[in-house]
Amino acid sequence: MEKQSWRELVQRVIKTEMSFRGVKYQALSQRLEEKGIIQSADNLRNKVNKGIMGADLFLQILVVLNARPLNVADMQEIIGDLSRNTHEDDE
């Protein structure tokens, strides 16, 4: 699996949880700040859209979103979707 696919996985997981909870980037920034983690809404948007962030921030975001449990089967399903979409785009 390519590096870009892993980044898309990070992006999809966070965006799905934000959508599920109805949380926008400003609110996410505020939730993180309440835990002592300073990230502007714009900075978070950029990191999430690129799927590039440290593991610590990824986990902190999942915790403040009170994310649903993420298991390997869920991640494999997302990876499969991403792979299928990539192959469809190539055709």
PDB file of N, CA and C in Angstrom:
ATOM      1  N   MET A   1       0.847  -1.182   0.000  1.00  0.00           N
ATOM      2  CA  MET A   1       0.000   0.000   0.000  1.00  0.00           C
ATOM      3  C   MET A   1       0.889   1.240   0.000  1.00  0.00           C
ATOM      4  N   GLU A   2       0.530   2.203  -0.790  1.00  0.00           N
ATOM      5  CA  GLU A   2       1.319   3.416  -0.932  1.00  0.00           C
ATOM      6  C   GLU A   2       1.122   4.356   0.249  1.00  0.00           C
ATOM      7  N   LYS A   3       2.103   5.244   0.448  1.00  0.00           N
ATOM      8  CA  LYS A   3       2.046   6.225   1.524  1.00  0.00           C
ATOM      9  C   LYS A   3       0.777   7.076   1.420  1.00  0.00           C
ATOM     10  N   GLN A   4       0.399   7.439   0.196  1.00  0.00           N
ATOM     11  CA  GLN A   4      -0.784   8.264  -0.004  1.00  0.00           C
ATOM     12  C   GLN A   4      -2.045   7.573   0.511  1.00  0.00           C
ATOM     13  N   SER A   5      -2.127   6.266   0.353  1.00  0.00           N
ATOM     14  CA  SER A   5      -3.294   5.530   0.830  1.00  0.00           C
ATOM     15  C   SER A   5      -3.399   5.583   2.349  1.00  0.00           C
ATOM     16  N   TRP A   6      -2.256   5.499   3.036  1.00  0.00           N
ATOM     17  CA  TRP A   6      -2.271   5.606   4.499  1.00  0.00           C
ATOM     18  C   TRP A   6      -2.742   6.988   4.921  1.00  0.00           C
ATOM     19  N   ARG A   7      -2.310   7.998   4.185  1.00  0.00           N
ATOM     20  CA  ARG A   7      -2.733   9.371   4.494  1.00  0.00           C
ATOM     21  C   ARG A   7      -4.237   9.529   4.270  1.00  0.00           C
ATOM     22  N   GLU A   8      -4.735   8.917   3.210  1.00  0.00           N
ATOM     23  CA  GLU A   8      -6.170   8.974   2.929  1.00  0.00           C
ATOM     24  C   GLU A   8      -6.963   8.231   4.009  1.00  0.00           C
ATOM     25  N   LEU A   9      -6.382   7.178   4.546  1.00  0.00           N
ATOM     26  CA  LEU A   9      -7.027   6.451   5.644  1.00  0.00           C
ATOM     27  C   LEU A   9      -7.152   7.348   6.871  1.00  0.00           C
ATOM     28  N   VAL A  10      -6.076   8.037   7.224  1.00  0.00           N
ATOM     29  CA  VAL A  10      -6.105   8.970   8.363  1.00  0.00           C
ATOM     30  C   VAL A  10      -7.161  10.040   8.120  1.00  0.00           C
ATOM     31  N   GLN A  11      -7.145  10.614   6.938  1.00  0.00           N
ATOM     32  CA  GLN A  11      -8.104  11.656   6.571  1.00  0.00           C
ATOM     33  C   GLN A  11      -9.544  11.151   6.694  1.00  0.00           C
ATOM     34  N   ARG A  12      -9.807   9.992   6.147  1.00  0.00           N
ATOM     35  CA  ARG A  12     -11.164   9.459   6.144  1.00  0.00           C
ATOM     36  C   ARG A  12     -11.652   9.140   7.558  1.00  0.00           C
ATOM     37  N   VAL A  13     -10.781   8.560   8.374  1.00  0.00           N
ATOM     38  CA  VAL A  13     -11.172   8.215   9.748  1.00  0.00           C
ATOM     39  C   VAL A  13     -11.555   9.473  10.517  1.00  0.00           C
ATOM     40  N   ILE A  14     -10.721  10.499  10.446  1.00  0.00           N
ATOM     41  CA  ILE A  14     -11.003  11.724  11.207  1.00  0.00           C
ATOM     42  C   ILE A  14     -12.237  12.429  10.665  1.00  0.00           C
ATOM     43  N   LYS A  15     -12.311  12.586   9.362  1.00  0.00           N
ATOM     44  CA  LYS A  15     -13.469  13.283   8.779  1.00  0.00           C
ATOM     45  C   LYS A  15     -14.773  12.540   9.066  1.00  0.00           C
ATOM     46  N   THR A  16     -14.732  11.219   9.052  1.00  0.00           N
ATOM     47  CA  THR A  16     -15.932  10.433   9.356  1.00  0.00           C
ATOM     48  C   THR A  16     -16.376  10.677  10.791  1.00  0.00           C
ATOM     49  N   GLU A  17     -15.425  10.663  11.704  1.00  0.00           N
ATOM     50  CA  GLU A  17     -15.770  10.888  13.118  1.00  0.00           C
ATOM     51  C   GLU A  17     -16.253  12.311  13.352  1.00  0.00           C
ATOM     52  N   MET A  18     -15.643  13.272  12.694  1.00  0.00           N
ATOM     53  CA  MET A  18     -16.098  14.664  12.830  1.00  0.00           C
ATOM     54  C   MET A  18     -17.521  14.803  12.306  1.00  0.00           C
ATOM     55  N   SER A  19     -17.786  14.209  11.165  1.00  0.00           N
ATOM     56  CA  SER A  19     -19.117  14.279  10.576  1.00  0.00           C
ATOM     57  C   SER A  19     -20.145  13.578  11.458  1.00  0.00           C
ATOM     58  N   PHE A  20     -19.788  12.396  11.937  1.00  0.00           N
ATOM     59  CA  PHE A  20     -20.679  11.616  12.793  1.00  0.00           C
ATOM     60  C   PHE A  20     -21.068  12.397  14.045  1.00  0.00           C
ATOM     61  N   ARG A  21     -20.126  13.177  14.557  1.00  0.00           N
ATOM     62  CA  ARG A  21     -20.355  13.953  15.783  1.00  0.00           C
ATOM     63  C   ARG A  21     -20.834  15.378  15.506  1.00  0.00           C
ATOM     64  N   GLY A  22     -20.833  15.781  14.232  1.00  0.00           N
ATOM     65  CA  GLY A  22     -21.243  17.141  13.891  1.00  0.00           C
ATOM     66  C   GLY A  22     -20.251  18.184  14.383  1.00  0.00           C
ATOM     67  N   VAL A  23     -18.964  17.832  14.360  1.00  0.00           N
ATOM     68  CA  VAL A  23     -17.920  18.720  14.873  1.00  0.00           C
ATOM     69  C   VAL A  23     -17.189  19.370  13.696  1.00  0.00           C
ATOM     70  N   LYS A  24     -17.097  20.681  13.733  1.00  0.00           N
ATOM     71  CA  LYS A  24     -16.334  21.437  12.737  1.00  0.00           C
ATOM     72  C   LYS A  24     -14.925  21.664  13.268  1.00  0.00           C
ATOM     73  N   TYR A  25     -14.042  22.173  12.418  1.00  0.00           N
ATOM     74  CA  TYR A  25     -12.648  22.339  12.806  1.00  0.00           C
ATOM     75  C   TYR A  25     -12.466  23.306  13.972  1.00  0.00           C
ATOM     76  N   GLN A  26     -13.252  24.371  14.040  1.00  0.00           N
ATOM     77  CA  GLN A  26     -13.127  25.321  15.151  1.00  0.00           C
ATOM     78  C   GLN A  26     -13.458  24.630  16.472  1.00  0.00           C
ATOM     79  N   ALA A  27     -14.507  23.835  16.473  1.00  0.00           N
ATOM     80  CA  ALA A  27     -14.894  23.114  17.695  1.00  0.00           C
ATOM     81  C   ALA A  27     -13.840  22.065  18.050  1.00  0.00           C
ATOM     82  N   LEU A  28     -13.270  21.417  17.043  1.00  0.00           N
ATOM     83  CA  LEU A  28     -12.208  20.442  17.299  1.00  0.00           C
ATOM     84  C   LEU A  28     -11.009  21.135  17.930  1.00  0.00           C
ATOM     85  N   SER A  29     -10.659  22.293  17.409  1.00  0.00           N
ATOM     86  CA  SER A  29      -9.564  23.074  17.963  1.00  0.00           C
ATOM     87  C   SER A  29      -9.830  23.417  19.433  1.00  0.00           C
ATOM     88  N   GLN A  30     -11.049  23.820  19.734  1.00  0.00           N
ATOM     89  CA  GLN A  30     -11.410  24.170  21.110  1.00  0.00           C
ATOM     90  C   GLN A  30     -11.365  22.952  22.028  1.00  0.00           C
ATOM     91  N   ARG A  31     -11.847  21.819  21.548  1.00  0.00           N
ATOM     92  CA  ARG A  31     -11.802  20.586  22.354  1.00  0.00           C
ATOM     93  C   ARG A  31     -10.367  20.193  22.674  1.00  0.00           C
ATOM     94  N   LEU A  32      -9.498  20.315  21.681  1.00  0.00           N
ATOM     95  CA  LEU A  32      -8.094  20.000  21.905  1.00  0.00           C
ATOM     96  C   LEU A  32      -7.465  20.980  22.896  1.00  0.00           C
ATOM     97  N   GLU A  33      -7.806  22.255  22.740  1.00  0.00           N
ATOM     98  CA  GLU A  33      -7.261  23.277  23.645  1.00  0.00           C
ATOM     99  C   GLU A  33      -7.654  23.005  25.097  1.00  0.00           C
ATOM    100  N   GLU A  34      -8.859  22.501  25.315  1.00  0.00           N
ATOM    101  CA  GLU A  34      -9.298  22.157  26.670  1.00  0.00           C
ATOM    102  C   GLU A  34      -8.408  21.082  27.294  1.00  0.00           C
ATOM    103  N   LYS A  35      -7.734  20.305  26.448  1.00  0.00           N
ATOM    104  CA  LYS A  35      -6.809  19.259  26.915  1.00  0.00           C
ATOM    105  C   LYS A  35      -5.354  19.741  26.894  1.00  0.00           C
ATOM    106  N   GLY A  36      -5.168  21.044  26.600  1.00  0.00           N
ATOM    107  CA  GLY A  36      -3.822  21.606  26.584  1.00  0.00           C
ATOM    108  C   GLY A  36      -3.087  21.437  25.274  1.00  0.00           C
ATOM    109  N   ILE A  37      -3.807  21.097  24.214  1.00  0.00           N
ATOM    110  CA  ILE A  37      -3.210  20.872  22.895  1.00  0.00           C
ATOM    111  C   ILE A  37      -3.618  22.036  21.999  1.00  0.00           C
ATOM    112  N   ILE A  38      -2.663  22.853  21.627  1.00  0.00           N
ATOM    113  CA  ILE A  38      -2.952  24.051  20.851  1.00  0.00           C
ATOM    114  C   ILE A  38      -2.760  23.767  19.359  1.00  0.00           C
ATOM    115  N   GLN A  39      -3.859  23.795  18.629  1.00  0.00           N
ATOM    116  CA  GLN A  39      -3.882  23.618  17.176  1.00  0.00           C
ATOM    117  C   GLN A  39      -4.986  24.524  16.646  1.00  0.00           C
ATOM    118  N   SER A  40      -4.649  25.433  15.753  1.00  0.00           N
ATOM    119  CA  SER A  40      -5.681  26.301  15.184  1.00  0.00           C
ATOM    120  C   SER A  40      -6.589  25.479  14.274  1.00  0.00           C
ATOM    121  N   ALA A  41      -7.775  26.007  14.031  1.00  0.00           N
ATOM    122  CA  ALA A  41      -8.722  25.333  13.137  1.00  0.00           C
ATOM    123  C   ALA A  41      -8.125  25.176  11.741  1.00  0.00           C
ATOM    124  N   ASP A  42      -7.446  26.217  11.250  1.00  0.00           N
ATOM    125  CA  ASP A  42      -6.831  26.144   9.918  1.00  0.00           C
ATOM    126  C   ASP A  42      -5.722  25.098   9.864  1.00  0.00           C
ATOM    127  N   ASN A  43      -4.920  25.043  10.923  1.00  0.00           N
ATOM    128  CA  ASN A  43      -3.845  24.061  10.988  1.00  0.00           C
ATOM    129  C   ASN A  43      -4.414  22.641  10.991  1.00  0.00           C
ATOM    130  N   LEU A  44      -5.462  22.425  11.769  1.00  0.00           N
ATOM    131  CA  LEU A  44      -6.106  21.109  11.801  1.00  0.00           C
ATOM    132  C   LEU A  44      -6.676  20.743  10.439  1.00  0.00           C
ATOM    133  N   ARG A  45      -7.337  21.701   9.809  1.00  0.00           N
ATOM    134  CA  ARG A  45      -7.924  21.451   8.483  1.00  0.00           C
ATOM    135  C   ARG A  45      -6.842  21.006   7.500  1.00  0.00           C
ATOM    136  N   ASN A  46      -5.717  21.710   7.507  1.00  0.00           N
ATOM    137  CA  ASN A  46      -4.616  21.359   6.602  1.00  0.00           C
ATOM    138  C   ASN A  46      -4.072  19.973   6.899  1.00  0.00           C
ATOM    139  N   LYS A  47      -3.844  19.679   8.173  1.00  0.00           N
ATOM    140  CA  LYS A  47      -3.289  18.380   8.543  1.00  0.00           C
ATOM    141  C   LYS A  47      -4.252  17.248   8.195  1.00  0.00           C
ATOM    142  N   VAL A  48      -5.521  17.446   8.486  1.00  0.00           N
ATOM    143  CA  VAL A  48      -6.505  16.398   8.197  1.00  0.00           C
ATOM    144  C   VAL A  48      -6.653  16.211   6.685  1.00  0.00           C
ATOM    145  N   ASN A  49      -6.751  17.303   5.946  1.00  0.00           N
ATOM    146  CA  ASN A  49      -6.920  17.194   4.494  1.00  0.00           C
ATOM    147  C   ASN A  49      -5.733  16.524   3.822  1.00  0.00           C
ATOM    148  N   LYS A  50      -4.543  16.713   4.378  1.00  0.00           N
ATOM    149  CA  LYS A  50      -3.353  16.060   3.832  1.00  0.00           C
ATOM    150  C   LYS A  50      -3.158  14.664   4.421  1.00  0.00           C
ATOM    151  N   GLY A  51      -3.813  14.409   5.560  1.00  0.00           N
ATOM    152  CA  GLY A  51      -3.658  13.119   6.222  1.00  0.00           C
ATOM    153  C   GLY A  51      -2.288  12.962   6.850  1.00  0.00           C
ATOM    154  N   ILE A  52      -1.641  14.092   7.118  1.00  0.00           N
ATOM    155  CA  ILE A  52      -0.285  14.067   7.665  1.00  0.00           C
ATOM    156  C   ILE A  52      -0.293  14.719   9.046  1.00  0.00           C
ATOM    157  N   MET A  53       0.006  13.900  10.044  1.00  0.00           N
ATOM    158  CA  MET A  53       0.120  14.393  11.416  1.00  0.00           C
ATOM    159  C   MET A  53       0.831  13.331  12.230  1.00  0.00           C
ATOM    160  N   GLY A  54       1.316  13.728  13.370  1.00  0.00           N
ATOM    161  CA  GLY A  54       1.954  12.761  14.246  1.00  0.00           C
ATOM    162  C   GLY A  54       0.915  11.816  14.837  1.00  0.00           C
ATOM    163  N   ALA A  55       1.389  10.664  15.229  1.00  0.00           N
ATOM    164  CA  ALA A  55       0.495   9.686  15.847  1.00  0.00           C
ATOM    165  C   ALA A  55      -0.137  10.245  17.110  1.00  0.00           C
ATOM    166  N   ASP A  56       0.613  11.073  17.844  1.00  0.00           N
ATOM    167  CA  ASP A  56       0.064  11.643  19.072  1.00  0.00           C
ATOM    168  C   ASP A  56      -1.142  12.523  18.775  1.00  0.00           C
ATOM    169  N   LEU A  57      -1.053  13.390  17.757  1.00  0.00           N
ATOM    170  CA  LEU A  57      -2.185  14.252  17.416  1.00  0.00           C
ATOM    171  C   LEU A  57      -3.357  13.422  16.898  1.00  0.00           C
ATOM    172  N   PHE A  58      -3.076  12.425  16.085  1.00  0.00           N
ATOM    173  CA  PHE A  58      -4.138  11.552  15.577  1.00  0.00           C
ATOM    174  C   PHE A  58      -4.917  10.942  16.744  1.00  0.00           C
ATOM    175  N   LEU A  59      -4.201  10.400  17.710  1.00  0.00           N
ATOM    176  CA  LEU A  59      -4.864   9.783  18.869  1.00  0.00           C
ATOM    177  C   LEU A  59      -5.585  10.817  19.722  1.00  0.00           C
ATOM    178  N   GLN A  60      -4.983  12.001  19.888  1.00  0.00           N
ATOM    179  CA  GLN A  60      -5.629  13.061  20.662  1.00  0.00           C
ATOM    180  C   GLN A  60      -6.942  13.485  20.015  1.00  0.00           C
ATOM    181  N   ILE A  61      -6.947  13.583  18.702  1.00  0.00           N
ATOM    182  CA  ILE A  61      -8.174  13.945  17.987  1.00  0.00           C
ATOM    183  C   ILE A  61      -9.244  12.873  18.205  1.00  0.00           C
ATOM    184  N   LEU A  62      -8.876  11.616  18.071  1.00  0.00           N
ATOM    185  CA  LEU A  62      -9.845  10.542  18.278  1.00  0.00           C
ATOM    186  C   LEU A  62     -10.411  10.574  19.697  1.00  0.00           C
ATOM    187  N   VAL A  63      -9.558  10.876  20.670  1.00  0.00           N
ATOM    188  CA  VAL A  63     -10.016  10.918  22.065  1.00  0.00           C
ATOM    189  C   VAL A  63     -10.986  12.084  22.280  1.00  0.00           C
ATOM    190  N   VAL A  64     -10.633  13.294  21.807  1.00  0.00           N
ATOM    191  CA  VAL A  64     -11.528  14.438  22.049  1.00  0.00           C
ATOM    192  C   VAL A  64     -12.819  14.326  21.259  1.00  0.00           C
ATOM    193  N   LEU A  65     -12.799  13.561  20.171  1.00  0.00           N
ATOM    194  CA  LEU A  65     -14.037  13.320  19.413  1.00  0.00           C
ATOM    195  C   LEU A  65     -14.859  12.188  20.028  1.00  0.00           C
ATOM    196  N   ASN A  66     -14.277  11.526  21.028  1.00  0.00           N
ATOM    197  CA  ASN A  66     -14.929  10.352  21.609  1.00  0.00           C
ATOM    198  C   ASN A  66     -15.294   9.376  20.482  1.00  0.00           C
ATOM    199  N   ALA A  67     -14.285   9.119  19.644  1.00  0.00           N
ATOM    200  CA  ALA A  67     -14.484   8.316  18.437  1.00  0.00           C
ATOM    201  C   ALA A  67     -14.926   6.901  18.771  1.00  0.00           C
ATOM    202  N   ARG A  68     -15.674   6.349  17.835  1.00  0.00           N
ATOM    203  CA  ARG A  68     -16.077   4.946  17.940  1.00  0.00           C
ATOM    204  C   ARG A  68     -14.831   4.079  17.862  1.00  0.00           C
ATOM    205  N   PRO A  69     -14.888   2.882  18.421  1.00  0.00           N
ATOM    206  CA  PRO A  69     -13.712   2.001  18.344  1.00  0.00           C
ATOM    207  C   PRO A  69     -13.313   1.757  16.887  1.00  0.00           C
ATOM    208  N   LEU A  70     -12.030   1.820  16.650  1.00  0.00           N
ATOM    209  CA  LEU A  70     -11.487   1.586  15.322  1.00  0.00           C
ATOM    210  C   LEU A  70     -10.744   0.264  15.368  1.00  0.00           C
ATOM    211  N   ASN A  71     -11.150  -0.653  14.521  1.00  0.00           N
ATOM    212  CA  ASN A  71     -10.469  -1.940  14.521  1.00  0.00           C
ATOM    213  C   ASN A  71      -9.853  -2.207  13.152  1.00  0.00           C
ATOM    214  N   VAL A  72      -9.023  -3.213  13.124  1.00  0.00           N
ATOM    215  CA  VAL A  72      -8.289  -3.532  11.904  1.00  0.00           C
ATOM    216  C   VAL A  72      -9.241  -3.848  10.749  1.00  0.00           C
ATOM    217  N   ALA A  73     -10.335  -4.538  11.023  1.00  0.00           N
ATOM    218  CA  ALA A  73     -11.292  -4.872   9.957  1.00  0.00           C
ATOM    219  C   ALA A  73     -11.868  -3.603   9.331  1.00  0.00           C
ATOM    220  N   ASP A  74     -12.186  -2.605  10.164  1.00  0.00           N
ATOM    221  CA  ASP A  74     -12.695  -1.329   9.638  1.00  0.00           C
ATOM    222  C   ASP A  74     -11.644  -0.654   8.758  1.00  0.00           C
ATOM    223  N   MET A  75     -10.402  -0.657   9.233  1.00  0.00           N
ATOM    224  CA  MET A  75      -9.333  -0.022   8.463  1.00  0.00           C
ATOM    225  C   MET A  75      -9.102  -0.760   7.141  1.00  0.00           C
ATOM    226  N   GLN A  76      -9.167  -2.087   7.168  1.00  0.00           N
ATOM    227  CA  GLN A  76      -8.986  -2.858   5.939  1.00  0.00           C
ATOM    228  C   GLN A  76     -10.107  -2.575   4.948  1.00  0.00           C
ATOM    229  N   GLU A  77     -11.306  -2.386   5.448  1.00  0.00           N
ATOM    230  CA  GLU A  77     -12.431  -2.056   4.571  1.00  0.00           C
ATOM    231  C   GLU A  77     -12.217  -0.706   3.902  1.00  0.00           C
ATOM    232  N   ILE A  78     -11.775   0.272   4.665  1.00  0.00           N
ATOM    233  CA  ILE A  78     -11.494   1.602   4.106  1.00  0.00           C
ATOM    234  C   ILE A  78     -10.372   1.507   3.080  1.00  0.00           C
ATOM    235  N   ILE A  79      -9.320   0.768   3.410  1.00  0.00           N
ATOM    236  CA  ILE A  79      -8.198   0.592   2.487  1.00  0.00           C
ATOM    237  C   ILE A  79      -8.681  -0.068   1.193  1.00  0.00           C
ATOM    238  N   GLY A  80      -9.565  -1.048   1.315  1.00  0.00           N
ATOM    239  CA  GLY A  80     -10.127  -1.692   0.130  1.00  0.00           C
ATOM    240  C   GLY A  80     -10.911  -0.712  -0.719  1.00  0.00           C
ATOM    241  N   ASP A  81     -11.712   0.129  -0.071  1.00  0.00           N
ATOM    242  CA  ASP A  81     -12.464   1.159  -0.795  1.00  0.00           C
ATOM    243  C   ASP A  81     -11.521   2.109  -1.521  1.00  0.00           C
ATOM    244  N   LEU A  82     -10.475   2.541  -0.826  1.00  0.00           N
ATOM    245  CA  LEU A  82      -9.510   3.455  -1.436  1.00  0.00           C
ATOM    246  C   LEU A  82      -8.822   2.800  -2.616  1.00  0.00           C
ATOM    247  N   SER A  83      -8.479   1.535  -2.468  1.00  0.00           N
ATOM    248  CA  SER A  83      -7.809   0.799  -3.542  1.00  0.00           C
ATOM    249  C   SER A  83      -8.724   0.668  -4.755  1.00  0.00           C
ATOM    250  N   ARG A  84      -9.982   0.327  -4.520  1.00  0.00           N
ATOM    251  CA  ARG A  84     -10.941   0.206  -5.623  1.00  0.00           C
ATOM    252  C   ARG A  84     -11.129   1.545  -6.324  1.00  0.00           C
ATOM    253  N   ASN A  85     -11.231   2.630  -5.546  1.00  0.00           N
ATOM    254  CA  ASN A  85     -11.393   3.958  -6.144  1.00  0.00           C
ATOM    255  C   ASN A  85     -10.188   4.344  -6.972  1.00  0.00           C
ATOM    256  N   THR A  86      -8.996   3.999  -6.509  1.00  0.00           N
ATOM    257  CA  THR A  86      -7.772   4.291  -7.249  1.00  0.00           C
ATOM    258  C   THR A  86      -7.751   3.527  -8.563  1.00  0.00           C
ATOM    259  N   HIS A  87      -8.121   2.243  -8.518  1.00  0.00           N
ATOM    260  CA  HIS A  87      -8.134   1.443  -9.739  1.00  0.00           C
ATOM    261  C   HIS A  87      -9.200   1.922 -10.715  1.00  0.00           C
ATOM    262  N   GLU A  88     -10.338   2.355 -10.214  1.00  0.00           N
ATOM    263  CA  GLU A  88     -11.389   2.879 -11.091  1.00  0.00           C
ATOM    264  C   GLU A  88     -10.943   4.159 -11.758  1.00  0.00           C
ATOM    265  N   ASP A  89     -10.187   4.987 -11.036  1.00  0.00           N
ATOM    266  CA  ASP A  89      -9.692   6.235 -11.615  1.00  0.00           C
ATOM    267  C   ASP A  89      -8.667   5.978 -12.712  1.00  0.00           C
ATOM    268  N   ASP A  90      -7.936   4.862 -12.598  1.00  0.00           N
ATOM    269  CA  ASP A  90      -6.921   4.524 -13.590  1.00  0.00           C
ATOM    270  C   ASP A  90      -7.538   4.045 -14.908  1.00  0.00           C
ATOM    271  N   GLU A  91      -8.770   3.570 -14.858  1.00  0.00           N
ATOM    272  CA  GLU A  91      -9.402   3.001 -16.053  1.00  0.00           C
ATOM    273  C   GLU A  91      -9.948   4.053 -16.979  1.00  0.00           C
TER     274      GLU A  91
END
